[in-house]
């Protein structure tokens, strides 16, 4: 039933993506196609595949008040289906934008993000009309494909309208069609809603096309690629599929993962070679990692550029807008936010670095806090090259710490420190000899007087 030669693939092409679903079965106020897989809306996975077909237009059909979908699919055009009256009705608003188009129109379901490019090429290569189908292990709820003896389609029957014999068919409609543009407008006008759902079905068009002498070719695709998303369980399964794909690609290209199943990647994560990722690492959108870097266990990274030969974690958090340059080290329980850590700098123990540039070779001592927020505004600081920040210091932004400066441990710094100076901002220590012994005697006497009433 499939044709792998793709003889007519050079026809002009337009794509209509049906994306007006409201996600009610997901118990969500978010449009269904805006639910994310590996850090981006599911519809953008589909659009990425469709763009490889080089269509003249991609038109996305949405419902009213779905501006977020419009933003997500830009620069492609959106049109609105004012009422949800079925898939046949959903295509009509898009047809107004294709007046005069002479080619093929591919109509796809926006909740099927992992359609295979070869299957789509096969569909558009067929003469006449083509429809995608799957062999379903459990066909419950799916339209059944009733075939002619020559393997072309006789009709598609929705399950609620099917006879017992038709329900026994396991070849099922996958929802995706390719139509000749010169016929589609007329065929849509011939649809009626004389069915139990009272909707206009695209699935009725093959029978209408047959009356015009146009056969419908059936392209059987793998169910794994055509499985739509209607529930959060199905969303989670697609996430699992995406993660397997992303991890596999990373490992094939030079990344070692100690426990791949515990690593989460984003759709746009980029890696160099000879990278080691330990277990339980989360990498969100906007991350690139340079050659020879090690990311240790339980680190969380988003929106960060990581240079070559760096050491990250364990238990590091790198937040968006950050850059970790070559040979730098970010260690245990370090949070970096909108900051640049220059080459060879290091912060290895329990620190917060926010809105700061840290120069080459600088050492940030344990427990250092960059206090960048005054309750109203964020402020930036700059720490020069080869600076030593002593442990348990607080730098109150905005400050500039000059090249080669030393900040004494336990200091609170709220003024600039010149190059090669020492900054110290703490109370002078006083020792009171014998005070501790006298204090313990006093407390013991109090306890003896209270007896059983003493608080333990």
Protein backbone atom coordinates (compact mmCIF):
# COMPACT_ATOMS: atom_id res chain seq x y z
CA UNK A 1 0.00 0.00 0.00
CA UNK A 2 3.00 2.33 0.14
CA UNK A 3 5.10 3.65 -2.71
CA UNK A 4 8.74 4.24 -1.79
CA UNK A 5 9.75 5.78 -5.14
CA UNK A 6 7.99 9.11 -4.49
CA UNK A 7 7.43 9.78 -8.23
CA UNK A 8 5.55 13.08 -7.97
CA UNK A 9 7.28 14.75 -5.04
CA UNK A 10 8.09 17.90 -7.02
CA UNK A 11 4.51 19.21 -7.02
CA UNK A 12 3.87 22.56 -5.36
CA UNK A 13 2.90 21.97 -1.74
CA UNK A 14 0.96 23.74 0.98
CA UNK A 15 0.46 22.38 4.50
CA UNK A 16 -2.51 22.91 6.79
CA UNK A 17 -2.02 21.91 10.44
CA UNK A 18 -5.18 21.47 12.53
CA UNK A 19 -4.40 22.81 16.02
CA UNK A 20 -7.68 24.09 17.48
CA UNK A 21 -7.92 21.45 20.23
CA UNK A 22 -8.43 22.92 23.69
CA UNK A 23 -6.79 20.18 25.74
CA UNK A 24 -9.93 19.47 27.78
CA UNK A 25 -9.02 15.80 28.16
CA UNK A 26 -5.69 16.93 29.59
CA UNK A 27 -7.57 18.94 32.22
CA UNK A 28 -5.69 22.03 31.09
CA UNK A 29 -6.42 25.65 30.18
CA UNK A 30 -3.44 25.50 27.81
CA UNK A 31 -4.17 24.72 24.13
CA UNK A 32 -3.33 21.10 23.52
CA UNK A 33 -0.58 21.76 20.97
CA UNK A 34 1.19 24.12 23.41
CA UNK A 35 2.02 21.33 25.86
CA UNK A 36 5.77 20.84 25.71
CA UNK A 37 7.93 17.90 24.77
CA UNK A 38 11.63 18.26 25.68
CA UNK A 39 11.21 21.95 26.31
CA UNK A 40 9.17 23.14 23.31
CA UNK A 41 5.48 23.00 22.26
CA UNK A 42 4.51 19.78 20.52
CA UNK A 43 3.40 21.67 17.40
CA UNK A 44 6.92 22.99 16.85
CA UNK A 45 8.23 19.43 16.55
CA UNK A 46 5.75 18.87 13.72
CA UNK A 47 6.53 22.19 12.03
CA UNK A 48 10.26 21.38 12.05
CA UNK A 49 9.53 18.18 10.11
CA UNK A 50 7.09 19.87 7.72
CA UNK A 51 9.57 22.65 6.90
CA UNK A 52 11.88 20.00 5.43
CA UNK A 53 9.25 19.44 2.71
CA UNK A 54 9.82 23.05 1.55
CA UNK A 55 6.13 23.93 1.26
CA UNK A 56 5.06 27.25 -0.21
CA UNK A 57 2.86 27.86 2.83
CA UNK A 58 2.28 26.40 6.28
CA UNK A 59 -1.09 27.45 7.72
CA UNK A 60 -2.06 26.58 11.29
CA UNK A 61 -5.75 26.41 12.21
CA UNK A 62 -6.48 27.49 15.79
CA UNK A 63 -9.50 28.32 17.92
CA UNK A 64 -10.31 31.84 19.15
CA UNK A 65 -8.13 33.17 22.00
CA UNK A 66 -5.10 31.07 21.10
CA UNK A 67 -2.59 33.87 20.68
CA UNK A 68 0.11 31.74 22.30
CA UNK A 69 -0.19 29.23 19.44
CA UNK A 70 0.14 32.07 16.93
CA UNK A 71 3.32 33.23 18.66
CA UNK A 72 4.74 29.71 18.80
CA UNK A 73 4.29 28.96 15.08
CA UNK A 74 5.47 32.35 13.76
CA UNK A 75 6.40 33.26 11.08
CA UNK A 76 3.86 30.80 9.71
CA UNK A 77 0.29 31.99 9.33
CA UNK A 78 -2.60 31.20 11.67
CA UNK A 79 -6.31 31.18 10.81
CA UNK A 80 -9.21 30.70 13.21
CA UNK A 81 -11.91 28.04 13.29
CA UNK A 82 -14.64 29.93 15.12
CA UNK A 83 -16.64 26.83 16.10
CA UNK A 84 -15.39 23.29 16.44
CA UNK A 85 -17.63 21.54 13.92
CA UNK A 86 -15.24 18.79 12.88
CA UNK A 87 -12.07 18.34 10.85
CA UNK A 88 -13.80 19.10 7.55
CA UNK A 89 -14.99 22.44 8.87
CA UNK A 90 -11.54 23.19 10.34
CA UNK A 91 -9.87 23.12 6.91
CA UNK A 92 -12.20 25.75 5.40
CA UNK A 93 -10.65 28.87 7.03
CA UNK A 94 -7.26 27.85 5.66
CA UNK A 95 -8.62 27.40 2.14
CA UNK A 96 -9.35 31.12 1.97
CA UNK A 97 -5.60 31.70 2.17
CA UNK A 98 -4.90 29.25 -0.68
CA UNK A 99 -7.07 30.72 -3.40
CA UNK A 100 -5.41 30.18 -6.75
CA UNK A 101 -2.93 27.63 -5.35
CA UNK A 102 -2.34 24.77 -7.77
CA UNK A 103 -0.58 21.86 -6.19
CA UNK A 104 -1.08 19.51 -3.27
CA UNK A 105 -2.42 20.32 0.17
CA UNK A 106 -1.17 18.24 3.07
CA UNK A 107 -3.56 18.33 6.05
CA UNK A 108 -2.00 17.19 9.34
CA UNK A 109 -3.07 16.80 12.95
CA UNK A 110 -1.21 19.20 15.26
CA UNK A 111 -1.21 16.70 18.14
CA UNK A 112 0.93 14.17 16.22
CA UNK A 113 4.37 15.74 16.71
CA UNK A 114 6.58 12.87 15.56
CA UNK A 115 5.30 12.22 12.03
CA UNK A 116 8.01 10.67 9.87
CA UNK A 117 9.36 12.76 7.00
CA UNK A 118 9.52 9.76 4.64
CA UNK A 119 5.85 8.95 5.27
CA UNK A 120 4.88 12.54 4.41
CA UNK A 121 7.01 12.46 1.27
CA UNK A 122 5.29 9.23 0.31
CA UNK A 123 1.86 10.81 0.76
CA UNK A 124 2.57 13.83 -1.41
CA UNK A 125 4.14 11.64 -4.12
CA UNK A 126 0.88 9.80 -4.84
CA UNK A 127 -1.44 10.63 -7.71
CA UNK A 128 -4.87 11.80 -6.60
CA UNK A 129 -5.63 11.66 -2.90
CA UNK A 130 -3.67 9.92 -0.14
CA UNK A 131 -4.40 9.16 3.49
CA UNK A 132 -2.19 7.93 6.33
CA UNK A 133 -3.14 4.78 8.21
CA UNK A 134 -1.76 2.64 11.01
CA UNK A 135 -2.14 -0.98 12.02
CA UNK A 136 -3.53 -0.59 15.53
CA UNK A 137 -3.17 -3.24 18.23
CA UNK A 138 -6.11 -1.60 19.97
CA UNK A 139 -8.27 0.23 17.40
CA UNK A 140 -10.77 1.48 19.97
CA UNK A 141 -11.96 5.00 19.14
CA UNK A 142 -10.29 5.14 15.71
CA UNK A 143 -11.86 5.36 12.26
CA UNK A 144 -11.61 2.11 10.27
CA UNK A 145 -10.12 1.94 6.77
CA UNK A 146 -12.33 -0.09 4.42
CA UNK A 147 -10.23 -1.07 1.39
CA UNK A 148 -11.02 -2.08 -2.17
CA UNK A 149 -9.62 -5.25 -3.67
CA UNK A 150 -6.81 -3.26 -5.34
CA UNK A 151 -5.63 -1.87 -2.01
CA UNK A 152 -6.96 1.65 -2.50
CA UNK A 153 -9.47 3.10 -0.06
CA UNK A 154 -13.17 2.50 -0.36
CA UNK A 155 -14.18 4.59 2.66
CA UNK A 156 -13.33 5.54 6.23
CA UNK A 157 -15.91 4.72 8.86
CA UNK A 158 -15.83 6.39 12.27
CA UNK A 159 -16.12 3.87 15.09
CA UNK A 160 -19.38 5.28 16.40
CA UNK A 161 -20.88 4.85 12.92
CA UNK A 162 -19.27 1.46 12.14
CA UNK A 163 -20.92 -1.95 11.93
CA UNK A 164 -19.62 -4.86 14.00
CA UNK A 165 -17.81 -6.20 10.93
CA UNK A 166 -16.15 -2.84 10.29
CA UNK A 167 -15.10 -2.51 13.92
CA UNK A 168 -13.11 -5.73 13.54
CA UNK A 169 -10.80 -3.98 11.04
CA UNK A 170 -7.41 -3.09 12.57
CA UNK A 171 -6.20 -0.76 9.79
CA UNK A 172 -7.16 2.64 11.18
CA UNK A 173 -7.21 6.26 10.12
CA UNK A 174 -4.25 8.34 11.34
CA UNK A 175 -5.96 11.64 10.53
CA UNK A 176 -3.51 12.94 7.91
CA UNK A 177 -4.44 13.55 4.25
CA UNK A 178 -2.92 14.87 1.06
CA UNK A 179 -5.39 16.41 -1.39
CA UNK A 180 -5.11 17.84 -4.89
CA UNK A 181 -5.77 21.54 -4.42
CA UNK A 182 -7.92 21.82 -7.54
CA UNK A 183 -10.53 19.48 -6.02
CA UNK A 184 -10.38 20.12 -2.28
CA UNK A 185 -12.56 23.21 -2.16
CA UNK A 186 -15.41 21.49 -4.02
CA UNK A 187 -15.10 18.35 -1.91
CA UNK A 188 -15.31 20.34 1.33
CA UNK A 189 -18.53 21.98 0.15
CA UNK A 190 -20.07 18.55 -0.43
CA UNK A 191 -19.48 17.40 3.16
CA UNK A 192 -22.50 17.02 5.41
CA UNK A 193 -22.90 16.40 9.12
CA UNK A 194 -25.33 13.50 8.82
CA UNK A 195 -23.61 11.38 11.47
CA UNK A 196 -23.95 10.67 15.19
CA UNK A 197 -21.53 13.43 16.16
CA UNK A 198 -23.18 16.05 13.92
CA UNK A 199 -19.75 17.05 12.57
CA UNK A 200 -18.17 17.55 9.16
CA UNK A 201 -15.55 14.85 8.70
CA UNK A 202 -12.51 14.96 6.41
CA UNK A 203 -12.84 11.20 6.47
CA UNK A 204 -15.92 11.49 4.23
CA UNK A 205 -13.92 13.03 1.39
CA UNK A 206 -12.49 9.78 -0.08
CA UNK A 207 -16.00 8.59 -0.84
CA UNK A 208 -16.81 11.96 -2.41
CA UNK A 209 -13.56 11.86 -4.41
CA UNK A 210 -14.38 8.39 -5.73
CA UNK A 211 -17.52 9.80 -7.39
CA UNK A 212 -15.21 12.17 -9.29
CA UNK A 213 -13.03 9.24 -10.36
CA UNK A 214 -10.20 10.07 -7.93
CA UNK A 215 -8.72 7.14 -6.04
CA UNK A 216 -7.40 7.35 -2.49
CA UNK A 217 -4.02 5.75 -1.80
CA UNK A 218 -3.36 4.42 1.70
CA UNK A 219 0.08 5.07 3.22
CA UNK A 220 0.65 2.82 6.21
CA UNK A 221 2.91 4.44 8.82
CA UNK A 222 4.40 3.13 12.04
CA UNK A 223 2.00 3.60 14.95
CA UNK A 224 4.90 4.87 17.09
CA UNK A 225 5.26 7.95 14.87
CA UNK A 226 1.56 8.67 14.36
CA UNK A 227 0.29 8.30 17.91
CA UNK A 228 -1.60 11.48 18.81
CA UNK A 229 -1.61 13.19 22.20
CA UNK A 230 -4.92 13.54 24.00
CA UNK A 231 -3.97 12.88 27.62
CA UNK A 232 -1.10 13.69 29.94
CA UNK A 233 -0.20 10.00 29.95
CA UNK A 234 0.26 10.15 26.18
CA UNK A 235 2.22 13.38 26.58
CA UNK A 236 4.55 11.64 29.04
CA UNK A 237 5.06 8.75 26.62
CA UNK A 238 6.02 11.17 23.85
CA UNK A 239 8.44 12.86 26.26
CA UNK A 240 10.02 9.49 26.91
CA UNK A 241 10.34 8.88 23.16
CA UNK A 242 11.91 12.31 22.64
CA UNK A 243 14.43 11.78 25.44
CA UNK A 244 15.51 8.42 24.02
CA UNK A 245 16.01 10.06 20.62
CA UNK A 246 17.98 13.02 22.05
CA UNK A 247 20.20 10.89 24.27
CA UNK A 248 20.91 8.44 21.48
CA UNK A 249 21.93 11.24 19.14
CA UNK A 250 24.18 12.77 21.82
CA UNK A 251 25.93 9.48 22.59
CA UNK A 252 26.41 8.73 18.90
CA UNK A 253 28.19 12.07 18.59
CA UNK A 254 30.71 11.81 21.41
CA UNK A 255 28.89 12.17 24.75
CA UNK A 256 29.29 9.59 27.52
CA UNK A 257 26.29 9.16 29.81
CA UNK A 258 26.84 7.03 32.88
CA UNK A 259 23.11 6.38 33.33
CA UNK A 260 21.30 7.66 30.22
CA UNK A 261 17.80 7.00 31.52
CA UNK A 262 18.34 9.48 34.36
CA UNK A 263 19.49 12.34 32.09
CA UNK A 264 16.99 14.86 30.69
CA UNK A 265 17.88 16.89 27.60
CA UNK A 266 16.17 19.67 25.68
CA UNK A 267 15.26 19.70 22.00
CA UNK A 268 17.99 22.28 21.30
CA UNK A 269 20.82 20.99 23.52
CA UNK A 270 24.13 20.99 21.66
CA UNK A 271 27.25 19.07 22.67
CA UNK A 272 30.86 18.90 21.63
CA UNK A 273 32.89 15.69 21.98
CA UNK A 274 34.37 13.78 24.91
CA UNK A 275 31.76 15.10 27.33
CA UNK A 276 30.85 13.07 30.41
CA UNK A 277 27.42 13.40 31.98
CA UNK A 278 26.87 11.71 35.31
CA UNK A 279 23.46 10.49 36.54
CA UNK A 280 20.44 12.69 37.28
CA UNK A 281 21.40 15.72 35.23
CA UNK A 282 18.65 18.02 33.87
CA UNK A 283 19.44 20.18 30.84
CA UNK A 284 16.71 22.61 29.80
CA UNK A 285 16.42 24.81 26.70
CA UNK A 286 19.26 27.00 25.44
CA UNK A 287 22.30 25.00 26.59
CA UNK A 288 25.50 24.29 24.68
CA UNK A 289 28.37 22.27 26.13
CA UNK A 290 31.96 22.38 24.85
CA UNK A 291 34.44 19.55 24.30
CA UNK A 292 35.92 17.72 27.25
CA UNK A 293 33.48 19.01 29.87
CA UNK A 294 32.24 16.92 32.79
CA UNK A 295 28.78 17.54 34.24
CA UNK A 296 28.51 15.80 37.57
CA UNK A 297 25.44 14.27 39.15
CA UNK A 298 22.25 16.16 40.09
CA UNK A 299 23.09 19.35 38.21
CA UNK A 300 20.34 21.54 36.71
CA UNK A 301 21.27 23.69 33.70
CA UNK A 302 19.21 26.08 31.57
CA UNK A 303 20.03 28.85 29.10
CA UNK A 304 23.80 28.56 29.61
CA UNK A 305 26.84 28.35 27.37
CA UNK A 306 29.48 26.01 28.81
CA UNK A 307 32.97 26.15 27.33
CA UNK A 308 35.57 23.46 26.82
CA UNK A 309 37.15 21.42 29.62
CA UNK A 310 34.94 22.76 32.39
CA UNK A 311 33.80 20.96 35.52
CA UNK A 312 30.17 21.41 36.58
CA UNK A 313 28.61 20.07 39.79
CA UNK A 314 27.65 17.91 41.49
CA UNK A 315 24.45 19.68 42.59
CA UNK A 316 25.17 22.81 40.53
CA UNK A 317 22.45 25.07 39.19
CA UNK A 318 23.19 27.18 36.12
CA UNK A 319 20.37 29.57 35.26
CA UNK A 320 19.54 31.38 31.99
CA UNK A 321 21.85 34.10 30.77
CA UNK A 322 25.00 32.51 32.16
CA UNK A 323 28.30 31.61 30.51
CA UNK A 324 30.95 29.29 31.91
CA UNK A 325 34.18 29.70 29.94
CA UNK A 326 36.98 27.27 29.19
CA UNK A 327 38.56 25.51 32.14
CA UNK A 328 36.27 27.07 34.75
CA UNK A 329 34.91 25.02 37.63
CA UNK A 330 31.46 25.27 39.23
CA UNK A 331 31.20 22.88 42.15
CA UNK A 332 28.90 21.63 44.88
CA UNK A 333 25.69 23.60 45.50
CA UNK A 334 26.70 26.60 43.41
CA UNK A 335 23.98 28.69 41.76
CA UNK A 336 24.98 30.91 38.82
CA UNK A 337 22.39 33.35 37.46
CA UNK A 338 22.88 35.75 34.52
CA UNK A 339 26.63 35.70 35.14
CA UNK A 340 29.84 35.08 33.23
CA UNK A 341 32.55 32.93 34.75
CA UNK A 342 35.72 33.60 32.78
CA UNK A 343 38.36 31.03 31.81
CA UNK A 344 39.99 29.21 34.70
CA UNK A 345 37.85 30.83 37.41
CA UNK A 346 36.33 28.57 40.03
CA UNK A 347 33.64 28.48 42.65
CA UNK A 348 33.52 25.09 44.27
CA UNK A 349 31.46 25.20 47.45
CA UNK A 350 27.99 26.53 48.36
CA UNK A 351 27.77 29.98 46.75
CA UNK A 352 25.34 32.22 44.87
CA UNK A 353 26.64 34.23 41.91
CA UNK A 354 24.07 36.57 40.38
CA UNK A 355 24.46 39.29 37.73
CA UNK A 356 28.24 39.21 37.98
CA UNK A 357 31.25 38.87 35.68
CA UNK A 358 34.07 36.92 37.30
CA UNK A 359 37.51 37.35 35.74
CA UNK A 360 40.03 34.75 34.62
CA UNK A 361 41.67 32.70 37.35
CA UNK A 362 39.58 34.13 40.18
CA UNK A 363 38.71 31.94 43.18
CA UNK A 364 35.33 32.30 44.88
CA UNK A 365 35.54 30.92 48.42
CA UNK A 366 32.99 28.69 50.09
CA UNK A 367 29.80 30.37 51.22
CA UNK A 368 30.23 33.51 49.09
CA UNK A 369 27.06 35.39 48.24
CA UNK A 370 26.70 38.04 45.56
CA UNK A 371 23.77 40.06 46.93
CA UNK A 372 22.41 41.38 43.63
CA UNK A 373 18.82 42.25 44.61
CA UNK A 374 17.78 45.13 46.86
CA UNK A 375 14.11 44.17 46.98
CA UNK A 376 13.27 46.34 43.97
CA UNK A 377 16.08 46.14 41.41
CA UNK A 378 18.82 43.75 40.31
CA UNK A 379 22.35 45.18 40.31
CA UNK A 380 25.50 44.03 38.54
CA UNK A 381 28.99 43.52 39.91
CA UNK A 382 32.36 42.89 38.33
CA UNK A 383 35.21 40.85 39.78
CA UNK A 384 38.54 41.13 37.98
CA UNK A 385 41.26 38.60 37.14
CA UNK A 386 43.04 36.52 39.76
CA UNK A 387 40.94 37.79 42.64
CA UNK A 388 40.69 35.74 45.84
CA UNK A 389 37.33 35.95 47.62
CA UNK A 390 37.61 34.54 51.15
CA UNK A 391 35.02 32.14 52.49
CA UNK A 392 31.70 33.33 53.87
CA UNK A 393 31.88 36.74 52.20
CA UNK A 394 28.98 38.82 50.96
CA UNK A 395 29.44 41.22 48.05
CA UNK A 396 26.60 43.74 47.97
CA UNK A 397 26.03 44.84 44.38
CA UNK A 398 26.92 46.97 42.59
CA UNK A 399 30.63 46.67 43.36
CA UNK A 400 33.81 46.34 41.35
CA UNK A 401 36.63 44.19 42.70
CA UNK A 402 39.90 45.06 40.96
CA UNK A 403 42.35 42.62 39.42
CA UNK A 404 44.44 40.70 41.94
CA UNK A 405 42.48 41.92 44.98
CA UNK A 406 41.91 39.80 48.07
CA UNK A 407 38.69 39.85 50.07
CA UNK A 408 39.17 38.72 53.67
CA UNK A 409 37.02 35.80 54.79
CA UNK A 410 33.75 36.74 56.44
CA UNK A 411 33.64 40.21 54.90
CA UNK A 412 30.63 42.24 53.85
CA UNK A 413 31.76 44.34 50.89
CA UNK A 414 29.61 47.21 49.63
CA UNK A 415 32.30 49.47 48.17
CA UNK A 416 34.68 49.01 45.25
CA UNK A 417 38.03 47.39 46.03
CA UNK A 418 41.04 48.60 44.00
CA UNK A 419 43.35 46.25 42.12
CA UNK A 420 45.77 44.32 44.35
CA UNK A 421 44.17 45.72 47.51
CA UNK A 422 42.70 43.75 50.38
CA UNK A 423 39.06 44.40 51.18
CA UNK A 424 37.89 43.62 54.69
CA UNK A 425 34.48 44.42 56.10
CA UNK A 426 33.78 42.74 59.43
CA UNK A 427 33.59 43.50 63.14
CA UNK A 428 36.85 43.34 65.13
CA UNK A 429 37.14 40.18 67.23
CA UNK A 430 37.16 40.40 71.03
CA UNK A 431 38.10 37.57 73.44
CA UNK A 432 36.74 37.59 77.02
CA UNK A 433 38.88 35.16 79.02
CA UNK A 434 37.03 32.81 81.39
CA UNK A 435 33.62 34.04 80.26
CA UNK A 436 32.49 30.63 78.97
CA UNK A 437 33.24 28.86 82.27
CA UNK A 438 31.37 31.48 84.30
CA UNK A 439 28.44 31.30 81.89
CA UNK A 440 28.14 27.52 82.23
CA UNK A 441 28.23 27.79 86.07
CA UNK A 442 25.48 30.41 86.02
CA UNK A 443 23.24 28.30 83.79
CA UNK A 444 23.82 25.18 85.90
CA UNK A 445 22.85 27.05 89.10
CA UNK A 446 19.63 28.22 87.42
CA UNK A 447 18.84 24.67 86.36
CA UNK A 448 19.47 23.30 89.90
CA UNK A 449 17.08 25.85 91.44
CA UNK A 450 14.32 24.99 88.95
CA UNK A 451 14.73 21.27 89.53
CA UNK A 452 12.16 19.21 87.61
CA UNK A 453 10.70 22.36 86.15
CA UNK A 454 13.89 22.95 84.22
CA UNK A 455 13.50 22.95 80.47
CA UNK A 456 15.60 20.19 78.93
